[in-house]
Structures are given as C-alpha cells and as structure tokens.
Amino acid sequence: MIKFNEALLGKWGWELANNQNQPWARILLSKYGGWKDLISGRNNSIFSHWWKDLKVVFQQQDNNSISNNLKWRVGCGVKIRVWKDKWLRDNLTLQDKYLTLYQMSRQQTSTINLIGNLLRIDGNGS
C-alpha cells in the first residue's frame, strides 16, 4: 500500500510539473509556494496532509526518480535563482560549484533576469 501511495503522489507531482498553466495547478502552486517549496521547502502547519505527503515523496533523496529527472526551463529567468537553484546540466548549484565567488557576490538571492541588469551611471546621468 505504501508503494501504491508513493506512485499515486508521484503521478500528481508529474501532472503538476507538466500542467502548470492549468487553473488547478496554478492554485496549488500559489497556495503552497511552488516547485522550490515542494522540492526543498519545509512543512508548514497550514499545509494540507496531501501537500505534506507530496513533499515527502519529492524530497526523498535515495529513490526519487521523478525529481531526479525533472529539468529546469530557464525561460525569461524570473523564477530561477542564479546561485541557489539547480538549473545547470550537472545538477549542482552555482553556489556549490563556486563557493568563493558566491560568498563574494552581492547578488546571492538574485534571479537570472536580474543578474545582467546593472544600472549604468555615467557623468551625464544616463
């Protein structure tokens, strides 16, 4: 019965990953915090038992074939944190790969779309 529950929760997770534009998925992701929270976030007392169980399935390190095979789609970069999310092919964060650079960065929590947008100020104010 435990394996059946895990399979069913895995199917829900798969549907959620592949149908994020559907109204039911948008409601769940806005209510519970989205994929980052599902994969690495902590439980909250206001979360439903179903969402907590789904988190357990996605946060299992030893046998998690679903989250191990999900890949980030960067798109315009508004949802992906450059240093902290695993958006590279080798499934590591830039923080893990380049810890010294991360520690020196002033943009440790910035998303991809913000990293390249530096304000240029010169003598003319432009």
N, C-alpha and C. Protein backbone atom coordinates (compact mmCIF):
# COMPACT_ATOMS: atom_id res chain seq x y z
N MET A 1 0.81 -1.19 0.00
CA MET A 1 0.00 0.00 0.00
C MET A 1 0.87 1.27 0.00
N ILE A 2 2.01 1.22 0.68
CA ILE A 2 2.89 2.38 0.73
C ILE A 2 3.42 2.72 -0.66
N LYS A 3 3.84 1.70 -1.39
CA LYS A 3 4.35 1.92 -2.76
C LYS A 3 3.26 2.46 -3.68
N PHE A 4 2.03 1.98 -3.50
CA PHE A 4 0.91 2.48 -4.29
C PHE A 4 0.68 3.97 -4.00
N ASN A 5 0.71 4.35 -2.73
CA ASN A 5 0.56 5.77 -2.35
C ASN A 5 1.66 6.62 -2.96
N GLU A 6 2.90 6.13 -2.88
CA GLU A 6 4.02 6.88 -3.46
C GLU A 6 3.85 7.03 -4.97
N ALA A 7 3.40 5.98 -5.63
CA ALA A 7 3.18 6.05 -7.07
C ALA A 7 2.08 7.06 -7.41
N LEU A 8 1.01 7.04 -6.63
CA LEU A 8 -0.08 7.98 -6.87
C LEU A 8 0.37 9.43 -6.63
N LEU A 9 1.10 9.66 -5.56
CA LEU A 9 1.63 11.01 -5.30
C LEU A 9 2.62 11.42 -6.37
N GLY A 10 3.42 10.47 -6.86
CA GLY A 10 4.33 10.76 -7.95
C GLY A 10 3.59 11.16 -9.21
N LYS A 11 2.47 10.50 -9.48
CA LYS A 11 1.64 10.87 -10.63
C LYS A 11 1.10 12.29 -10.47
N TRP A 12 0.65 12.64 -9.26
CA TRP A 12 0.17 14.00 -9.02
C TRP A 12 1.29 15.01 -9.26
N GLY A 13 2.49 14.68 -8.77
CA GLY A 13 3.62 15.57 -8.98
C GLY A 13 3.96 15.74 -10.44
N TRP A 14 3.90 14.62 -11.18
CA TRP A 14 4.17 14.67 -12.61
C TRP A 14 3.14 15.55 -13.33
N GLU A 15 1.88 15.37 -12.98
CA GLU A 15 0.82 16.19 -13.57
C GLU A 15 1.02 17.66 -13.25
N LEU A 16 1.41 17.93 -12.02
CA LEU A 16 1.66 19.31 -11.59
C LEU A 16 2.80 19.93 -12.39
N ALA A 17 3.87 19.14 -12.61
CA ALA A 17 5.02 19.64 -13.36
C ALA A 17 4.68 19.91 -14.82
N ASN A 18 3.80 19.10 -15.39
CA ASN A 18 3.51 19.20 -16.82
C ASN A 18 2.29 20.04 -17.16
N ASN A 19 1.55 20.46 -16.17
CA ASN A 19 0.33 21.24 -16.41
C ASN A 19 0.28 22.50 -15.56
N GLN A 20 1.40 23.20 -15.45
CA GLN A 20 1.48 24.35 -14.56
C GLN A 20 0.58 25.51 -14.99
N ASN A 21 0.13 25.53 -16.20
CA ASN A 21 -0.75 26.61 -16.65
C ASN A 21 -2.22 26.31 -16.41
N GLN A 22 -2.53 25.10 -15.98
CA GLN A 22 -3.92 24.74 -15.69
C GLN A 22 -4.36 25.45 -14.41
N PRO A 23 -5.62 25.84 -14.33
CA PRO A 23 -6.10 26.55 -13.13
C PRO A 23 -5.85 25.80 -11.83
N TRP A 24 -6.09 24.49 -11.79
CA TRP A 24 -5.88 23.74 -10.56
C TRP A 24 -4.42 23.76 -10.12
N ALA A 25 -3.50 23.68 -11.09
CA ALA A 25 -2.07 23.69 -10.77
C ALA A 25 -1.62 25.07 -10.31
N ARG A 26 -2.12 26.11 -10.96
CA ARG A 26 -1.76 27.47 -10.54
C ARG A 26 -2.25 27.76 -9.13
N ILE A 27 -3.42 27.25 -8.78
CA ILE A 27 -3.94 27.45 -7.42
C ILE A 27 -3.04 26.74 -6.41
N LEU A 28 -2.70 25.48 -6.68
CA LEU A 28 -1.84 24.73 -5.76
C LEU A 28 -0.47 25.39 -5.60
N LEU A 29 0.12 25.79 -6.71
CA LEU A 29 1.45 26.39 -6.64
C LEU A 29 1.42 27.74 -5.94
N SER A 30 0.37 28.51 -6.12
CA SER A 30 0.31 29.80 -5.42
C SER A 30 -0.01 29.61 -3.94
N LYS A 31 -0.80 28.62 -3.61
CA LYS A 31 -1.17 28.39 -2.22
C LYS A 31 -0.02 27.83 -1.41
N TYR A 32 0.74 26.90 -1.99
CA TYR A 32 1.76 26.19 -1.23
C TYR A 32 3.19 26.63 -1.53
N GLY A 33 3.40 27.53 -2.44
CA GLY A 33 4.74 28.07 -2.63
C GLY A 33 5.50 27.61 -3.86
N GLY A 34 4.94 26.78 -4.69
CA GLY A 34 5.59 26.42 -5.93
C GLY A 34 6.59 25.29 -5.81
N TRP A 35 7.33 25.08 -6.90
CA TRP A 35 8.24 23.95 -7.01
C TRP A 35 9.39 24.00 -6.03
N LYS A 36 9.95 25.18 -5.80
CA LYS A 36 11.08 25.27 -4.88
C LYS A 36 10.67 24.79 -3.50
N ASP A 37 9.48 25.15 -3.08
CA ASP A 37 8.99 24.72 -1.78
C ASP A 37 8.69 23.23 -1.78
N LEU A 38 8.16 22.73 -2.86
CA LEU A 38 7.84 21.31 -2.95
C LEU A 38 9.10 20.46 -2.84
N ILE A 39 10.15 20.87 -3.50
CA ILE A 39 11.36 20.07 -3.57
C ILE A 39 12.29 20.29 -2.37
N SER A 40 12.35 21.51 -1.85
CA SER A 40 13.32 21.74 -0.78
C SER A 40 12.78 22.51 0.41
N GLY A 41 11.53 22.90 0.39
CA GLY A 41 10.98 23.71 1.47
C GLY A 41 10.59 22.90 2.70
N ARG A 42 10.31 23.61 3.74
CA ARG A 42 9.88 23.00 5.00
C ARG A 42 8.37 22.92 5.05
N ASN A 43 7.88 22.04 5.91
CA ASN A 43 6.43 21.94 6.11
C ASN A 43 5.93 23.10 6.94
N ASN A 44 4.69 23.43 6.71
CA ASN A 44 4.02 24.50 7.44
C ASN A 44 2.73 23.90 8.00
N SER A 45 2.33 24.37 9.14
CA SER A 45 1.13 23.80 9.77
C SER A 45 -0.13 24.04 8.96
N ILE A 46 -0.12 25.05 8.07
CA ILE A 46 -1.32 25.31 7.26
C ILE A 46 -1.40 24.44 6.02
N PHE A 47 -0.33 23.70 5.70
CA PHE A 47 -0.34 22.84 4.53
C PHE A 47 -1.29 21.67 4.76
N SER A 48 -1.93 21.24 3.69
CA SER A 48 -2.80 20.07 3.78
C SER A 48 -1.97 18.80 3.93
N HIS A 49 -2.58 17.74 4.42
CA HIS A 49 -1.88 16.46 4.56
C HIS A 49 -1.41 15.98 3.20
N TRP A 50 -2.22 16.20 2.17
CA TRP A 50 -1.88 15.78 0.81
C TRP A 50 -0.60 16.47 0.35
N TRP A 51 -0.48 17.79 0.54
CA TRP A 51 0.71 18.52 0.11
C TRP A 51 1.93 18.07 0.91
N LYS A 52 1.76 17.84 2.20
CA LYS A 52 2.87 17.36 3.03
C LYS A 52 3.35 16.00 2.53
N ASP A 53 2.41 15.11 2.19
CA ASP A 53 2.79 13.80 1.67
C ASP A 53 3.49 13.92 0.32
N LEU A 54 3.01 14.82 -0.52
CA LEU A 54 3.64 15.06 -1.82
C LEU A 54 5.07 15.55 -1.63
N LYS A 55 5.28 16.44 -0.66
CA LYS A 55 6.62 16.94 -0.35
C LYS A 55 7.54 15.80 0.08
N VAL A 56 7.02 14.90 0.90
CA VAL A 56 7.83 13.77 1.36
C VAL A 56 8.31 12.94 0.17
N VAL A 57 7.42 12.67 -0.77
CA VAL A 57 7.79 11.89 -1.94
C VAL A 57 8.85 12.62 -2.76
N PHE A 58 8.71 13.93 -2.94
CA PHE A 58 9.65 14.67 -3.77
C PHE A 58 10.96 14.97 -3.06
N GLN A 59 10.98 14.89 -1.74
CA GLN A 59 12.20 15.20 -1.00
C GLN A 59 13.00 13.96 -0.60
N GLN A 60 12.52 12.77 -0.98
CA GLN A 60 13.29 11.55 -0.71
C GLN A 60 14.57 11.59 -1.54
N GLN A 61 15.69 11.43 -0.89
CA GLN A 61 16.97 11.50 -1.59
C GLN A 61 17.37 10.18 -2.24
N ASP A 62 17.02 9.07 -1.63
CA ASP A 62 17.53 7.79 -2.08
C ASP A 62 16.84 7.24 -3.31
N ASN A 63 15.55 7.43 -3.46
CA ASN A 63 14.83 6.79 -4.56
C ASN A 63 13.82 7.76 -5.15
N ASN A 64 14.29 8.87 -5.65
CA ASN A 64 13.38 9.88 -6.17
C ASN A 64 13.57 10.04 -7.67
N SER A 65 13.03 9.12 -8.42
CA SER A 65 13.22 9.14 -9.86
C SER A 65 12.49 10.30 -10.53
N ILE A 66 11.46 10.82 -9.91
CA ILE A 66 10.73 11.94 -10.51
C ILE A 66 11.55 13.21 -10.48
N SER A 67 11.92 13.68 -9.29
CA SER A 67 12.64 14.95 -9.21
C SER A 67 14.05 14.83 -9.79
N ASN A 68 14.64 13.63 -9.79
CA ASN A 68 15.96 13.46 -10.41
C ASN A 68 15.90 13.61 -11.92
N ASN A 69 14.73 13.43 -12.51
CA ASN A 69 14.60 13.52 -13.96
C ASN A 69 13.89 14.79 -14.42
N LEU A 70 13.55 15.67 -13.50
CA LEU A 70 12.98 16.96 -13.88
C LEU A 70 14.10 17.92 -14.23
N LYS A 71 13.91 18.74 -15.24
CA LYS A 71 14.90 19.73 -15.64
C LYS A 71 14.27 21.11 -15.61
N TRP A 72 15.06 22.09 -15.22
CA TRP A 72 14.58 23.47 -15.21
C TRP A 72 14.50 24.00 -16.63
N ARG A 73 13.48 24.76 -16.90
CA ARG A 73 13.38 25.52 -18.14
C ARG A 73 13.55 26.97 -17.74
N VAL A 74 14.66 27.56 -18.15
CA VAL A 74 15.02 28.89 -17.67
C VAL A 74 14.04 29.95 -18.15
N GLY A 75 13.67 29.92 -19.41
CA GLY A 75 12.75 30.93 -19.92
C GLY A 75 13.32 32.32 -19.76
N CYS A 76 12.52 33.24 -19.22
CA CYS A 76 13.00 34.62 -19.04
C CYS A 76 13.77 34.79 -17.73
N GLY A 77 13.86 33.76 -16.91
CA GLY A 77 14.71 33.78 -15.74
C GLY A 77 14.15 34.45 -14.50
N VAL A 78 12.85 34.72 -14.46
CA VAL A 78 12.28 35.42 -13.30
C VAL A 78 12.06 34.50 -12.10
N LYS A 79 12.05 33.20 -12.28
CA LYS A 79 11.78 32.27 -11.19
C LYS A 79 13.01 31.49 -10.73
N ILE A 80 14.12 31.62 -11.42
CA ILE A 80 15.28 30.80 -11.11
C ILE A 80 16.37 31.66 -10.48
N ARG A 81 16.74 31.29 -9.25
CA ARG A 81 17.81 31.98 -8.55
C ARG A 81 19.14 31.48 -9.09
N VAL A 82 19.98 32.40 -9.54
CA VAL A 82 21.23 32.05 -10.21
C VAL A 82 22.11 31.17 -9.34
N TRP A 83 22.31 31.53 -8.10
CA TRP A 83 23.26 30.82 -7.24
C TRP A 83 22.66 29.61 -6.55
N LYS A 84 21.38 29.61 -6.24
CA LYS A 84 20.81 28.63 -5.32
C LYS A 84 19.98 27.52 -5.98
N ASP A 85 19.57 27.69 -7.21
CA ASP A 85 18.76 26.67 -7.88
C ASP A 85 19.63 25.78 -8.76
N LYS A 86 19.21 24.54 -8.92
CA LYS A 86 19.94 23.57 -9.75
C LYS A 86 19.43 23.65 -11.18
N TRP A 87 19.89 24.65 -11.92
CA TRP A 87 19.41 24.85 -13.28
C TRP A 87 20.47 24.46 -14.33
N LEU A 88 21.62 24.02 -13.88
CA LEU A 88 22.68 23.60 -14.79
C LEU A 88 22.56 22.12 -15.11
N ARG A 89 23.21 21.67 -16.14
CA ARG A 89 23.10 20.27 -16.57
C ARG A 89 23.67 19.28 -15.57
N ASP A 90 24.64 19.68 -14.78
CA ASP A 90 25.28 18.74 -13.86
C ASP A 90 24.55 18.61 -12.52
N ASN A 91 23.37 19.21 -12.40
CA ASN A 91 22.52 19.10 -11.22
C ASN A 91 23.18 19.64 -9.96
N LEU A 92 24.04 20.64 -10.11
CA LEU A 92 24.64 21.34 -8.99
C LEU A 92 24.22 22.81 -9.04
N THR A 93 24.26 23.44 -7.90
CA THR A 93 24.02 24.89 -7.90
C THR A 93 25.33 25.59 -8.18
N LEU A 94 25.25 26.83 -8.65
CA LEU A 94 26.48 27.61 -8.81
C LEU A 94 27.12 27.87 -7.46
N GLN A 95 26.31 27.96 -6.43
CA GLN A 95 26.84 28.13 -5.07
C GLN A 95 27.72 26.93 -4.71
N ASP A 96 27.28 25.73 -5.04
CA ASP A 96 28.07 24.53 -4.75
C ASP A 96 29.36 24.50 -5.57
N LYS A 97 29.26 24.89 -6.83
CA LYS A 97 30.41 24.81 -7.73
C LYS A 97 31.44 25.90 -7.46
N TYR A 98 30.96 27.10 -7.12
CA TYR A 98 31.86 28.26 -6.98
C TYR A 98 31.60 28.97 -5.66
N LEU A 99 31.86 28.28 -4.57
CA LEU A 99 31.53 28.80 -3.24
C LEU A 99 32.21 30.14 -2.94
N THR A 100 33.47 30.29 -3.33
CA THR A 100 34.18 31.54 -3.06
C THR A 100 33.53 32.71 -3.78
N LEU A 101 33.19 32.52 -5.06
CA LEU A 101 32.51 33.58 -5.80
C LEU A 101 31.15 33.90 -5.21
N TYR A 102 30.43 32.86 -4.79
CA TYR A 102 29.13 33.06 -4.16
C TYR A 102 29.27 33.90 -2.90
N GLN A 103 30.26 33.61 -2.08
CA GLN A 103 30.46 34.34 -0.84
C GLN A 103 30.81 35.81 -1.09
N MET A 104 31.45 36.11 -2.22
CA MET A 104 31.81 37.49 -2.55
C MET A 104 30.66 38.24 -3.23
N SER A 105 29.70 37.51 -3.77
CA SER A 105 28.63 38.12 -4.55
C SER A 105 27.68 38.95 -3.68
N ARG A 106 27.24 40.06 -4.25
CA ARG A 106 26.21 40.88 -3.62
C ARG A 106 24.83 40.53 -4.15
N GLN A 107 24.78 39.54 -5.02
CA GLN A 107 23.53 39.12 -5.65
C GLN A 107 23.22 37.66 -5.33
N GLN A 108 23.40 37.25 -4.09
CA GLN A 108 23.26 35.85 -3.71
C GLN A 108 21.84 35.31 -3.88
N THR A 109 20.84 36.15 -3.83
CA THR A 109 19.46 35.68 -3.96
C THR A 109 18.81 36.15 -5.26
N SER A 110 19.57 36.74 -6.15
CA SER A 110 19.01 37.28 -7.39
C SER A 110 18.62 36.20 -8.37
N THR A 111 17.61 36.52 -9.16
CA THR A 111 17.18 35.62 -10.23
C THR A 111 17.97 35.91 -11.50
N ILE A 112 17.91 35.00 -12.44
CA ILE A 112 18.69 35.12 -13.68
C ILE A 112 18.38 36.43 -14.41
N ASN A 113 17.11 36.81 -14.45
CA ASN A 113 16.76 38.01 -15.20
C ASN A 113 17.35 39.28 -14.58
N LEU A 114 17.66 39.27 -13.30
CA LEU A 114 18.18 40.46 -12.64
C LEU A 114 19.70 40.56 -12.67
N ILE A 115 20.39 39.46 -12.80
CA ILE A 115 21.85 39.47 -12.72
C ILE A 115 22.47 40.36 -13.80
N GLY A 116 22.00 40.31 -15.01
CA GLY A 116 22.60 41.08 -16.09
C GLY A 116 22.10 42.51 -16.19
N ASN A 117 21.11 42.87 -15.41
CA ASN A 117 20.53 44.21 -15.50
C ASN A 117 21.19 45.16 -14.50
N LEU A 118 22.39 45.59 -14.82
CA LEU A 118 23.08 46.53 -13.96
C LEU A 118 22.78 47.95 -14.43
N LEU A 119 22.52 48.82 -13.49
CA LEU A 119 22.24 50.22 -13.81
C LEU A 119 23.54 50.92 -14.16
N ARG A 120 23.60 51.52 -15.32
CA ARG A 120 24.80 52.22 -15.77
C ARG A 120 24.66 53.69 -15.46
N ILE A 121 25.56 54.19 -14.69
CA ILE A 121 25.54 55.62 -14.36
C ILE A 121 26.84 56.23 -14.80
N ASP A 122 26.75 57.27 -15.62
CA ASP A 122 27.98 57.98 -16.00
C ASP A 122 27.80 59.47 -15.67
N GLY A 123 28.74 60.25 -16.06
CA GLY A 123 28.73 61.68 -15.72
C GLY A 123 27.51 62.43 -16.22
N ASN A 124 26.81 61.92 -17.25
CA ASN A 124 25.65 62.61 -17.81
C ASN A 124 24.35 62.17 -17.15
N GLY A 125 24.42 61.24 -16.21
CA GLY A 125 23.20 60.75 -15.56
C GLY A 125 22.42 59.77 -16.39
N SER A 126 23.04 59.25 -17.47
CA SER A 126 22.31 58.28 -18.31
C SER A 126 22.83 56.90 -18.11
